Every structure is written in structure tokens, then in C-alpha cells.
Amino acid sequence: MTERQRQRHSLISTPSYLPGQDHIVDQSSCSNDRNGTSVSNYSSIISQQMKHRFYNQQTSMERMMQHQSETTKSVALKLGMPKREFLFFDGDPVVYPVFIKNFEVNVEQQIQDDCLGLSYLVQHCTGVAKQAIKNCTILPLNQSLKEARQILLKNFGQKHNLVHAVKNKVGKEPQIKPSEVEKLLQLALDMKNCHLISSEMNSKADIDSIDTLEKVVRRLPSYLQAEWTKTAGKLICSGVEPELMKFLEDRTR
């Protein structure tokens, strides 16, 4: 074998990289360059690589566009929603269930920092409620918020405190005059709220007790007291239990 033949044989048998490709091509496949076989192999490999890269780029672009679309929708939804309303708590047991639920939704479920959560809790408490928990800020971070919640529950969220406050709210105010339409409407709303709270606390029987209902009836204007007596009597004779709350709702619509 001559020197030129040895160089040709080495060139054919040595594997090398195709320009722009990430795989090795055996140049021995290119020995038959006279009939165009090597050119065909090169073209086929390049075509497959380009198709693969184009598919990957297209898939990546589609995923990016989908992510951008979802992000845009999320931002638009948040911008279109009304601003969160943080309630304040002054120590009134009637307000406690609503306040603490509002705090859980708008603060505790949104942040994971107990220190920041306690700051929000103290900030949105006033009066005796704030005085009761303000010193919790000096407690260890992993105990402060939990202790503040326990103090509020013990002093303002116990069932007997809530029931007592609810009964006073609807039955302890003076009698409503016929011209005081707004106070009559407020009484109907208070009765509705009290029933909701008492149902949640499993103490509806306390609100519907004869003693509580009598106090509420005494607060009604004289003409409504007479009308209630007549309506309740007919319902009882028909075997139907009269509902004072429904009676008030019907008269304030």
C-alpha cells in the first residue's frame, strides 16, 4: 500500500463530527462519494436534526405562551377583585365569630409569618380586646400568635359569653316607636344575625327561648305587638310554630 493509499484509508476509517451536529459520523460511510451516497446520508441526518430542534423550540414556545396567558389571567383576576376588607374587634362577643373568620381568611391563610400575623391581629383589635393581647408581642415568635388567639377566644369567644351578648342585643334595648323605622329594620337584622350565630354555636334554643322572645316582642311598637299576638295565635291553632324572626322580616320589607 502506497503512502497516498494509507492516508486515504485513514481518512475514511476515522470517525469525525459533522459540522453543527452533536453526534459522531463514521466517515467510512462516505467512501462511496462518486455515486452521491455520502451526500444523501449527510442530508438525511441534517434534516432529522433540524426537525427535532424545530419541534423542541415550538414546544418550548407553546409552554411559555401558555404560562404567560395563565399569569396574565391571574393578575387580571386579582386586579378586578375588590380590595380585602379587614374588620376590627373591640371586644364585643357578638362580633367575635365574624372577626376571627375574617382574620383567618385575610391574614392567616395569606401569610406564614406568625410575627407578622400577630402584628395584624393587634393592629385590628381596639379597646379591651387590644389591651388583652398587646403584651403577647414579647413572647417567643412560635408562641405569640397562638397565645393571642387563645386569649381572645377565652375572654370573648366562649359560648356562654356569646349567647348572653346575643340575647342582650335583641332584647335589652327600649321599645321602638312607630316612627322609628330604621330601628325596627335594625332589630330584624339583629334577629337574623343572632339566629345565624346561635346556629353556628349550636345554641339556637337559647335564642328561641320564651324569655328571649318575650323581651323582643316588648321592644316592638304597640301595633306590631297586637299584630304578632293575632298572627301567632292563628298559627298555633293551625299546628304551626310561629317564627318571630320571619314575622319581623315580612314587616320590614
C-alpha atoms as a PDB file:
ATOM      1  CA  MET A   1       0.000   0.000   0.000  1.00  0.00           C
ATOM      2  CA  THR A   2       1.432   3.355  -1.046  1.00  0.00           C
ATOM      3  CA  GLU A   3       1.589   6.408   1.283  1.00  0.00           C
ATOM      4  CA  ARG A   4      -1.297   8.047  -0.543  1.00  0.00           C
ATOM      5  CA  GLN A   5      -3.456   4.902  -0.179  1.00  0.00           C
ATOM      6  CA  ARG A   6      -2.684   4.744   3.567  1.00  0.00           C
ATOM      7  CA  GLN A   7      -3.765   8.417   4.032  1.00  0.00           C
ATOM      8  CA  ARG A   8      -6.970   7.766   2.106  1.00  0.00           C
ATOM      9  CA  HIS A   9      -7.722   4.643   4.175  1.00  0.00           C
ATOM     10  CA  SER A  10      -7.077   6.607   7.435  1.00  0.00           C
ATOM     11  CA  LEU A  11      -9.363   9.436   6.327  1.00  0.00           C
ATOM     12  CA  ILE A  12     -12.208   7.029   5.516  1.00  0.00           C
ATOM     13  CA  SER A  13     -11.981   4.882   8.669  1.00  0.00           C
ATOM     14  CA  THR A  14     -11.543   7.708  11.226  1.00  0.00           C
ATOM     15  CA  PRO A  15     -14.834   8.911  12.798  1.00  0.00           C
ATOM     16  CA  SER A  16     -15.384  12.667  13.000  1.00  0.00           C
ATOM     17  CA  TYR A  17     -18.081  15.202  13.890  1.00  0.00           C
ATOM     18  CA  LEU A  18     -20.389  16.644  11.319  1.00  0.00           C
ATOM     19  CA  PRO A  19     -20.293  20.446  11.341  1.00  0.00           C
ATOM     20  CA  GLY A  20     -23.031  21.814  13.578  1.00  0.00           C
ATOM     21  CA  GLN A  21     -24.072  18.369  14.836  1.00  0.00           C
ATOM     22  CA  ASP A  22     -23.809  16.812  18.298  1.00  0.00           C
ATOM     23  CA  HIS A  23     -23.206  13.210  17.188  1.00  0.00           C
ATOM     24  CA  ILE A  24     -20.340  11.316  15.524  1.00  0.00           C
ATOM     25  CA  VAL A  25     -20.479  10.228  11.892  1.00  0.00           C
ATOM     26  CA  ASP A  26     -18.313   7.408  10.603  1.00  0.00           C
ATOM     27  CA  GLN A  27     -16.541   8.685   7.535  1.00  0.00           C
ATOM     28  CA  SER A  28     -16.328   5.160   6.170  1.00  0.00           C
ATOM     29  CA  SER A  29     -19.938   5.692   5.120  1.00  0.00           C
ATOM     30  CA  CYS A  30     -18.678   8.448   2.894  1.00  0.00           C
ATOM     31  CA  SER A  31     -16.272   6.270   0.861  1.00  0.00           C
ATOM     32  CA  ASN A  32     -18.691   5.909  -1.958  1.00  0.00           C
ATOM     33  CA  ASP A  33     -18.688   9.610  -2.804  1.00  0.00           C
ATOM     34  CA  ARG A  34     -18.631   9.003  -6.551  1.00  0.00           C
ATOM     35  CA  ASN A  35     -22.284   7.875  -6.699  1.00  0.00           C
ATOM     36  CA  GLY A  36     -23.548  10.528  -4.174  1.00  0.00           C
ATOM     37  CA  THR A  37     -24.343   8.145  -1.285  1.00  0.00           C
ATOM     38  CA  SER A  38     -22.416  10.213   1.325  1.00  0.00           C
ATOM     39  CA  VAL A  39     -24.224  13.401   0.329  1.00  0.00           C
ATOM     40  CA  SER A  40     -27.555  11.657   0.782  1.00  0.00           C
ATOM     41  CA  ASN A  41     -26.582  10.438   4.281  1.00  0.00           C
ATOM     42  CA  TYR A  42     -25.458  13.890   5.332  1.00  0.00           C
ATOM     43  CA  SER A  43     -28.685  15.462   4.089  1.00  0.00           C
ATOM     44  CA  SER A  44     -30.837  12.904   5.896  1.00  0.00           C
ATOM     45  CA  ILE A  45     -29.038  13.396   9.212  1.00  0.00           C
ATOM     46  CA  ILE A  46     -29.156  17.181   8.990  1.00  0.00           C
ATOM     47  CA  SER A  47     -32.840  17.105   8.085  1.00  0.00           C
ATOM     48  CA  GLN A  48     -33.708  14.920  11.067  1.00  0.00           C
ATOM     49  CA  GLN A  49     -31.711  17.109  13.446  1.00  0.00           C
ATOM     50  CA  MET A  50     -33.374  20.284  12.183  1.00  0.00           C
ATOM     51  CA  LYS A  51     -36.825  18.754  12.541  1.00  0.00           C
ATOM     52  CA  HIS A  52     -36.049  17.660  16.113  1.00  0.00           C
ATOM     53  CA  ARG A  53     -34.732  21.071  17.073  1.00  0.00           C
ATOM     54  CA  PHE A  54     -37.704  22.838  15.463  1.00  0.00           C
ATOM     55  CA  TYR A  55     -40.134  20.595  17.370  1.00  0.00           C
ATOM     56  CA  ASN A  56     -38.371  21.297  20.682  1.00  0.00           C
ATOM     57  CA  GLN A  57     -38.361  25.049  20.038  1.00  0.00           C
ATOM     58  CA  GLN A  58     -42.044  25.007  19.088  1.00  0.00           C
ATOM     59  CA  THR A  59     -42.989  23.021  22.209  1.00  0.00           C
ATOM     60  CA  SER A  60     -40.960  25.336  24.428  1.00  0.00           C
ATOM     61  CA  MET A  61     -42.596  28.396  22.847  1.00  0.00           C
ATOM     62  CA  GLU A  62     -46.098  26.952  23.330  1.00  0.00           C
ATOM     63  CA  ARG A  63     -45.394  26.244  27.008  1.00  0.00           C
ATOM     64  CA  MET A  64     -44.034  29.748  27.531  1.00  0.00           C
ATOM     65  CA  MET A  65     -47.080  31.326  25.860  1.00  0.00           C
ATOM     66  CA  GLN A  66     -49.439  29.179  27.960  1.00  0.00           C
ATOM     67  CA  HIS A  67     -47.627  30.204  31.162  1.00  0.00           C
ATOM     68  CA  GLN A  68     -47.792  33.889  30.170  1.00  0.00           C
ATOM     69  CA  SER A  69     -51.502  33.555  29.413  1.00  0.00           C
ATOM     70  CA  GLU A  70     -52.222  31.947  32.798  1.00  0.00           C
ATOM     71  CA  THR A  71     -50.159  34.605  34.590  1.00  0.00           C
ATOM     72  CA  THR A  72     -51.998  37.397  32.767  1.00  0.00           C
ATOM     73  CA  LYS A  73     -55.386  35.913  33.681  1.00  0.00           C
ATOM     74  CA  SER A  74     -54.345  35.554  37.336  1.00  0.00           C
ATOM     75  CA  VAL A  75     -53.152  39.173  37.527  1.00  0.00           C
ATOM     76  CA  ALA A  76     -56.294  40.448  35.796  1.00  0.00           C
ATOM     77  CA  LEU A  77     -58.485  38.490  38.208  1.00  0.00           C
ATOM     78  CA  LYS A  78     -56.678  39.918  41.233  1.00  0.00           C
ATOM     79  CA  LEU A  79     -56.838  43.457  39.866  1.00  0.00           C
ATOM     80  CA  GLY A  80     -60.543  43.095  39.151  1.00  0.00           C
ATOM     81  CA  MET A  81     -61.393  41.827  42.638  1.00  0.00           C
ATOM     82  CA  PRO A  82     -62.429  44.278  45.356  1.00  0.00           C
ATOM     83  CA  LYS A  83     -59.861  45.227  47.964  1.00  0.00           C
ATOM     84  CA  ARG A  84     -59.728  42.965  51.016  1.00  0.00           C
ATOM     85  CA  GLU A  85     -61.666  44.380  53.950  1.00  0.00           C
ATOM     86  CA  PHE A  86     -60.113  43.864  57.368  1.00  0.00           C
ATOM     87  CA  LEU A  87     -62.600  44.007  60.227  1.00  0.00           C
ATOM     88  CA  PHE A  88     -61.868  45.478  63.657  1.00  0.00           C
ATOM     89  CA  PHE A  89     -62.720  43.903  67.000  1.00  0.00           C
ATOM     90  CA  ASP A  90     -63.496  45.914  70.141  1.00  0.00           C
ATOM     91  CA  GLY A  91     -64.269  43.011  72.454  1.00  0.00           C
ATOM     92  CA  ASP A  92     -67.978  42.584  71.608  1.00  0.00           C
ATOM     93  CA  PRO A  93     -68.652  38.806  71.762  1.00  0.00           C
ATOM     94  CA  VAL A  94     -71.357  39.152  69.092  1.00  0.00           C
ATOM     95  CA  VAL A  95     -68.728  40.350  66.617  1.00  0.00           C
ATOM     96  CA  TYR A  96     -66.084  37.765  67.590  1.00  0.00           C
ATOM     97  CA  PRO A  97     -67.121  34.896  65.230  1.00  0.00           C
ATOM     98  CA  VAL A  98     -67.206  37.187  62.177  1.00  0.00           C
ATOM     99  CA  PHE A  99     -63.969  38.954  63.108  1.00  0.00           C
ATOM    100  CA  ILE A 100     -61.966  35.804  63.722  1.00  0.00           C
ATOM    101  CA  LYS A 101     -63.198  34.230  60.462  1.00  0.00           C
ATOM    102  CA  ASN A 102     -62.217  37.397  58.590  1.00  0.00           C
ATOM    103  CA  PHE A 103     -58.767  37.285  60.197  1.00  0.00           C
ATOM    104  CA  GLU A 104     -58.246  33.631  59.235  1.00  0.00           C
ATOM    105  CA  VAL A 105     -59.176  34.217  55.585  1.00  0.00           C
ATOM    106  CA  ASN A 106     -57.430  37.547  55.002  1.00  0.00           C
ATOM    107  CA  VAL A 107     -54.330  37.110  57.184  1.00  0.00           C
ATOM    108  CA  GLU A 108     -53.544  33.591  58.431  1.00  0.00           C
ATOM    109  CA  GLN A 109     -54.212  31.904  55.072  1.00  0.00           C
ATOM    110  CA  GLN A 110     -52.200  34.529  53.195  1.00  0.00           C
ATOM    111  CA  ILE A 111     -49.005  34.714  55.257  1.00  0.00           C
ATOM    112  CA  GLN A 112     -46.870  32.134  57.051  1.00  0.00           C
ATOM    113  CA  ASP A 113     -45.094  34.523  59.417  1.00  0.00           C
ATOM    114  CA  ASP A 114     -46.547  34.333  62.965  1.00  0.00           C
ATOM    115  CA  CYS A 115     -44.822  37.565  63.955  1.00  0.00           C
ATOM    116  CA  LEU A 116     -46.475  39.435  61.092  1.00  0.00           C
ATOM    117  CA  GLY A 117     -49.773  37.697  61.826  1.00  0.00           C
ATOM    118  CA  LEU A 118     -49.683  38.878  65.446  1.00  0.00           C
ATOM    119  CA  SER A 119     -48.913  42.399  64.265  1.00  0.00           C
ATOM    120  CA  TYR A 120     -52.055  42.353  62.096  1.00  0.00           C
ATOM    121  CA  LEU A 121     -54.135  40.903  64.932  1.00  0.00           C
ATOM    122  CA  VAL A 122     -53.067  43.570  67.446  1.00  0.00           C
ATOM    123  CA  GLN A 123     -53.495  46.285  64.827  1.00  0.00           C
ATOM    124  CA  HIS A 124     -57.113  45.299  64.132  1.00  0.00           C
ATOM    125  CA  CYS A 125     -58.146  44.988  67.758  1.00  0.00           C
ATOM    126  CA  THR A 126     -59.308  48.002  69.763  1.00  0.00           C
ATOM    127  CA  GLY A 127     -60.376  48.748  73.323  1.00  0.00           C
ATOM    128  CA  VAL A 128     -60.371  45.878  75.792  1.00  0.00           C
ATOM    129  CA  ALA A 129     -59.531  43.351  73.072  1.00  0.00           C
ATOM    130  CA  LYS A 130     -56.307  45.151  72.216  1.00  0.00           C
ATOM    131  CA  GLN A 131     -55.402  45.561  75.877  1.00  0.00           C
ATOM    132  CA  ALA A 132     -55.844  41.822  76.359  1.00  0.00           C
ATOM    133  CA  ILE A 133     -53.327  40.739  73.698  1.00  0.00           C
ATOM    134  CA  LYS A 134     -50.856  43.598  73.217  1.00  0.00           C
ATOM    135  CA  ASN A 135     -48.276  42.066  75.613  1.00  0.00           C
ATOM    136  CA  CYS A 136     -48.148  38.873  73.517  1.00  0.00           C
ATOM    137  CA  THR A 137     -45.615  40.685  71.326  1.00  0.00           C
ATOM    138  CA  ILE A 138     -42.889  39.931  73.919  1.00  0.00           C
ATOM    139  CA  LEU A 139     -43.468  36.166  73.765  1.00  0.00           C
ATOM    140  CA  PRO A 140     -41.339  33.821  71.619  1.00  0.00           C
ATOM    141  CA  LEU A 141     -42.258  34.049  67.927  1.00  0.00           C
ATOM    142  CA  ASN A 142     -43.577  30.489  67.726  1.00  0.00           C
ATOM    143  CA  GLN A 143     -45.989  31.093  70.638  1.00  0.00           C
ATOM    144  CA  SER A 144     -47.106  34.726  70.355  1.00  0.00           C
ATOM    145  CA  LEU A 145     -49.882  34.442  67.751  1.00  0.00           C
ATOM    146  CA  LYS A 146     -51.272  31.207  69.193  1.00  0.00           C
ATOM    147  CA  GLU A 147     -51.380  32.712  72.696  1.00  0.00           C
ATOM    148  CA  ALA A 148     -53.100  35.883  71.452  1.00  0.00           C
ATOM    149  CA  ARG A 149     -55.758  33.789  69.687  1.00  0.00           C
ATOM    150  CA  GLN A 150     -56.333  31.775  72.857  1.00  0.00           C
ATOM    151  CA  ILE A 151     -56.753  34.946  74.944  1.00  0.00           C
ATOM    152  CA  LEU A 152     -59.367  36.345  72.562  1.00  0.00           C
ATOM    153  CA  LEU A 153     -61.235  33.036  72.486  1.00  0.00           C
ATOM    154  CA  LYS A 154     -61.205  32.666  76.279  1.00  0.00           C
ATOM    155  CA  ASN A 155     -62.374  36.213  77.005  1.00  0.00           C
ATOM    156  CA  PHE A 156     -64.707  36.974  74.099  1.00  0.00           C
ATOM    157  CA  GLY A 157     -65.449  33.801  72.143  1.00  0.00           C
ATOM    158  CA  GLN A 158     -66.803  31.393  74.739  1.00  0.00           C
ATOM    159  CA  LYS A 159     -70.271  30.063  74.024  1.00  0.00           C
ATOM    160  CA  HIS A 160     -71.928  31.369  77.196  1.00  0.00           C
ATOM    161  CA  ASN A 161     -70.488  34.871  76.630  1.00  0.00           C
ATOM    162  CA  LEU A 162     -71.707  34.874  73.059  1.00  0.00           C
ATOM    163  CA  VAL A 163     -75.207  33.672  73.872  1.00  0.00           C
ATOM    164  CA  HIS A 164     -75.561  36.215  76.668  1.00  0.00           C
ATOM    165  CA  ALA A 165     -74.384  39.060  74.413  1.00  0.00           C
ATOM    166  CA  VAL A 166     -76.699  37.997  71.580  1.00  0.00           C
ATOM    167  CA  LYS A 167     -79.738  37.869  73.874  1.00  0.00           C
ATOM    168  CA  ASN A 168     -78.936  41.309  75.260  1.00  0.00           C
ATOM    169  CA  LYS A 169     -78.511  42.757  71.786  1.00  0.00           C
ATOM    170  CA  VAL A 170     -82.020  41.871  70.679  1.00  0.00           C
ATOM    171  CA  GLY A 171     -83.930  42.154  73.939  1.00  0.00           C
ATOM    172  CA  LYS A 172     -82.394  44.777  76.205  1.00  0.00           C
ATOM    173  CA  GLU A 173     -82.942  47.975  74.216  1.00  0.00           C
ATOM    174  CA  PRO A 174     -86.012  50.213  74.862  1.00  0.00           C
ATOM    175  CA  GLN A 175     -89.287  49.889  72.967  1.00  0.00           C
ATOM    176  CA  ILE A 176     -89.247  51.088  69.363  1.00  0.00           C
ATOM    177  CA  LYS A 177     -91.605  53.913  68.445  1.00  0.00           C
ATOM    178  CA  PRO A 178     -93.884  53.620  65.366  1.00  0.00           C
ATOM    179  CA  SER A 179     -91.896  56.363  63.601  1.00  0.00           C
ATOM    180  CA  GLU A 180     -88.533  54.674  64.193  1.00  0.00           C
ATOM    181  CA  VAL A 181     -88.496  52.589  61.041  1.00  0.00           C
ATOM    182  CA  GLU A 182     -84.709  52.272  60.944  1.00  0.00           C
ATOM    183  CA  LYS A 183     -84.581  50.830  64.462  1.00  0.00           C
ATOM    184  CA  LEU A 184     -87.242  48.285  63.546  1.00  0.00           C
ATOM    185  CA  LEU A 185     -85.206  47.278  60.495  1.00  0.00           C
ATOM    186  CA  GLN A 186     -82.097  47.003  62.683  1.00  0.00           C
ATOM    187  CA  LEU A 187     -83.961  44.750  65.108  1.00  0.00           C
ATOM    188  CA  ALA A 188     -84.943  42.445  62.231  1.00  0.00           C
ATOM    189  CA  LEU A 189     -81.308  42.336  61.070  1.00  0.00           C
ATOM    190  CA  ASP A 190     -80.083  41.655  64.610  1.00  0.00           C
ATOM    191  CA  MET A 191     -82.536  38.792  64.956  1.00  0.00           C
ATOM    192  CA  LYS A 192     -81.306  37.298  61.690  1.00  0.00           C
ATOM    193  CA  ASN A 193     -77.654  37.598  62.720  1.00  0.00           C
ATOM    194  CA  CYS A 194     -78.365  36.172  66.141  1.00  0.00           C
ATOM    195  CA  HIS A 195     -80.012  33.115  64.612  1.00  0.00           C
ATOM    196  CA  LEU A 196     -77.034  32.594  62.323  1.00  0.00           C
ATOM    197  CA  ILE A 197     -74.570  32.878  65.210  1.00  0.00           C
ATOM    198  CA  SER A 198     -76.617  30.699  67.536  1.00  0.00           C
ATOM    199  CA  SER A 199     -76.930  28.025  64.831  1.00  0.00           C
ATOM    200  CA  GLU A 200     -73.172  28.045  64.350  1.00  0.00           C
ATOM    201  CA  MET A 201     -72.660  27.743  68.121  1.00  0.00           C
ATOM    202  CA  ASN A 202     -75.343  25.046  68.464  1.00  0.00           C
ATOM    203  CA  SER A 203     -77.293  27.255  70.876  1.00  0.00           C
ATOM    204  CA  LYS A 204     -80.381  28.139  68.865  1.00  0.00           C
ATOM    205  CA  ALA A 205     -82.653  27.001  71.696  1.00  0.00           C
ATOM    206  CA  ASP A 206     -81.302  29.828  73.885  1.00  0.00           C
ATOM    207  CA  ILE A 207     -82.242  32.464  71.318  1.00  0.00           C
ATOM    208  CA  ASP A 208     -85.674  30.958  70.694  1.00  0.00           C
ATOM    209  CA  SER A 209     -86.479  30.627  74.377  1.00  0.00           C
ATOM    210  CA  ILE A 210     -89.765  32.115  75.616  1.00  0.00           C
ATOM    211  CA  ASP A 211     -87.915  34.586  77.831  1.00  0.00           C
ATOM    212  CA  THR A 212     -85.860  35.961  74.911  1.00  0.00           C
ATOM    213  CA  LEU A 213     -88.834  36.131  72.532  1.00  0.00           C
ATOM    214  CA  GLU A 214     -90.926  37.987  75.105  1.00  0.00           C
ATOM    215  CA  LYS A 215     -88.206  40.608  75.504  1.00  0.00           C
ATOM    216  CA  VAL A 216     -88.037  41.082  71.731  1.00  0.00           C
ATOM    217  CA  VAL A 217     -91.824  41.399  71.441  1.00  0.00           C
ATOM    218  CA  ARG A 218     -91.846  44.058  74.151  1.00  0.00           C
ATOM    219  CA  ARG A 219     -89.464  46.109  72.039  1.00  0.00           C
ATOM    220  CA  LEU A 220     -91.917  46.193  69.116  1.00  0.00           C
ATOM    221  CA  PRO A 221     -94.246  49.163  68.539  1.00  0.00           C
ATOM    222  CA  SER A 222     -97.680  48.616  70.094  1.00  0.00           C
ATOM    223  CA  TYR A 223     -99.416  47.978  66.749  1.00  0.00           C
ATOM    224  CA  LEU A 224     -96.899  45.239  65.859  1.00  0.00           C
ATOM    225  CA  GLN A 225     -97.262  43.642  69.291  1.00  0.00           C
ATOM    226  CA  ALA A 226    -101.002  43.317  68.694  1.00  0.00           C
ATOM    227  CA  GLU A 227    -100.445  42.000  65.166  1.00  0.00           C
ATOM    228  CA  TRP A 228     -97.909  39.436  66.391  1.00  0.00           C
ATOM    229  CA  THR A 229    -100.284  38.160  69.070  1.00  0.00           C
ATOM    230  CA  LYS A 230    -103.018  37.690  66.473  1.00  0.00           C
ATOM    231  CA  THR A 231    -100.714  36.045  63.901  1.00  0.00           C
ATOM    232  CA  ALA A 232     -99.056  33.728  66.428  1.00  0.00           C
ATOM    233  CA  GLY A 233    -102.446  32.638  67.787  1.00  0.00           C
ATOM    234  CA  LYS A 234    -103.679  31.628  64.322  1.00  0.00           C
ATOM    235  CA  LEU A 235    -100.501  29.706  63.567  1.00  0.00           C
ATOM    236  CA  ILE A 236    -100.614  27.818  66.857  1.00  0.00           C
ATOM    237  CA  CYS A 237    -104.269  26.857  66.246  1.00  0.00           C
ATOM    238  CA  SER A 238    -103.223  25.528  62.825  1.00  0.00           C
ATOM    239  CA  GLY A 239    -100.492  23.423  64.375  1.00  0.00           C
ATOM    240  CA  VAL A 240     -97.693  25.630  63.001  1.00  0.00           C
ATOM    241  CA  GLU A 241     -94.985  27.056  65.227  1.00  0.00           C
ATOM    242  CA  PRO A 242     -94.835  30.852  64.861  1.00  0.00           C
ATOM    243  CA  GLU A 243     -91.480  32.404  63.937  1.00  0.00           C
ATOM    244  CA  LEU A 244     -90.864  35.892  65.253  1.00  0.00           C
ATOM    245  CA  MET A 245     -87.861  36.439  63.017  1.00  0.00           C
ATOM    246  CA  LYS A 246     -89.885  35.677  59.881  1.00  0.00           C
ATOM    247  CA  PHE A 247     -92.664  37.943  61.154  1.00  0.00           C
ATOM    248  CA  LEU A 248     -90.190  40.833  61.521  1.00  0.00           C
ATOM    249  CA  GLU A 249     -88.650  40.202  58.101  1.00  0.00           C
ATOM    250  CA  ASP A 250     -92.083  40.316  56.460  1.00  0.00           C
ATOM    251  CA  ARG A 251     -92.967  43.589  58.207  1.00  0.00           C
ATOM    252  CA  THR A 252     -89.710  45.343  57.288  1.00  0.00           C
ATOM    253  CA  ARG A 253     -89.558  44.552  53.565  1.00  0.00           C
END
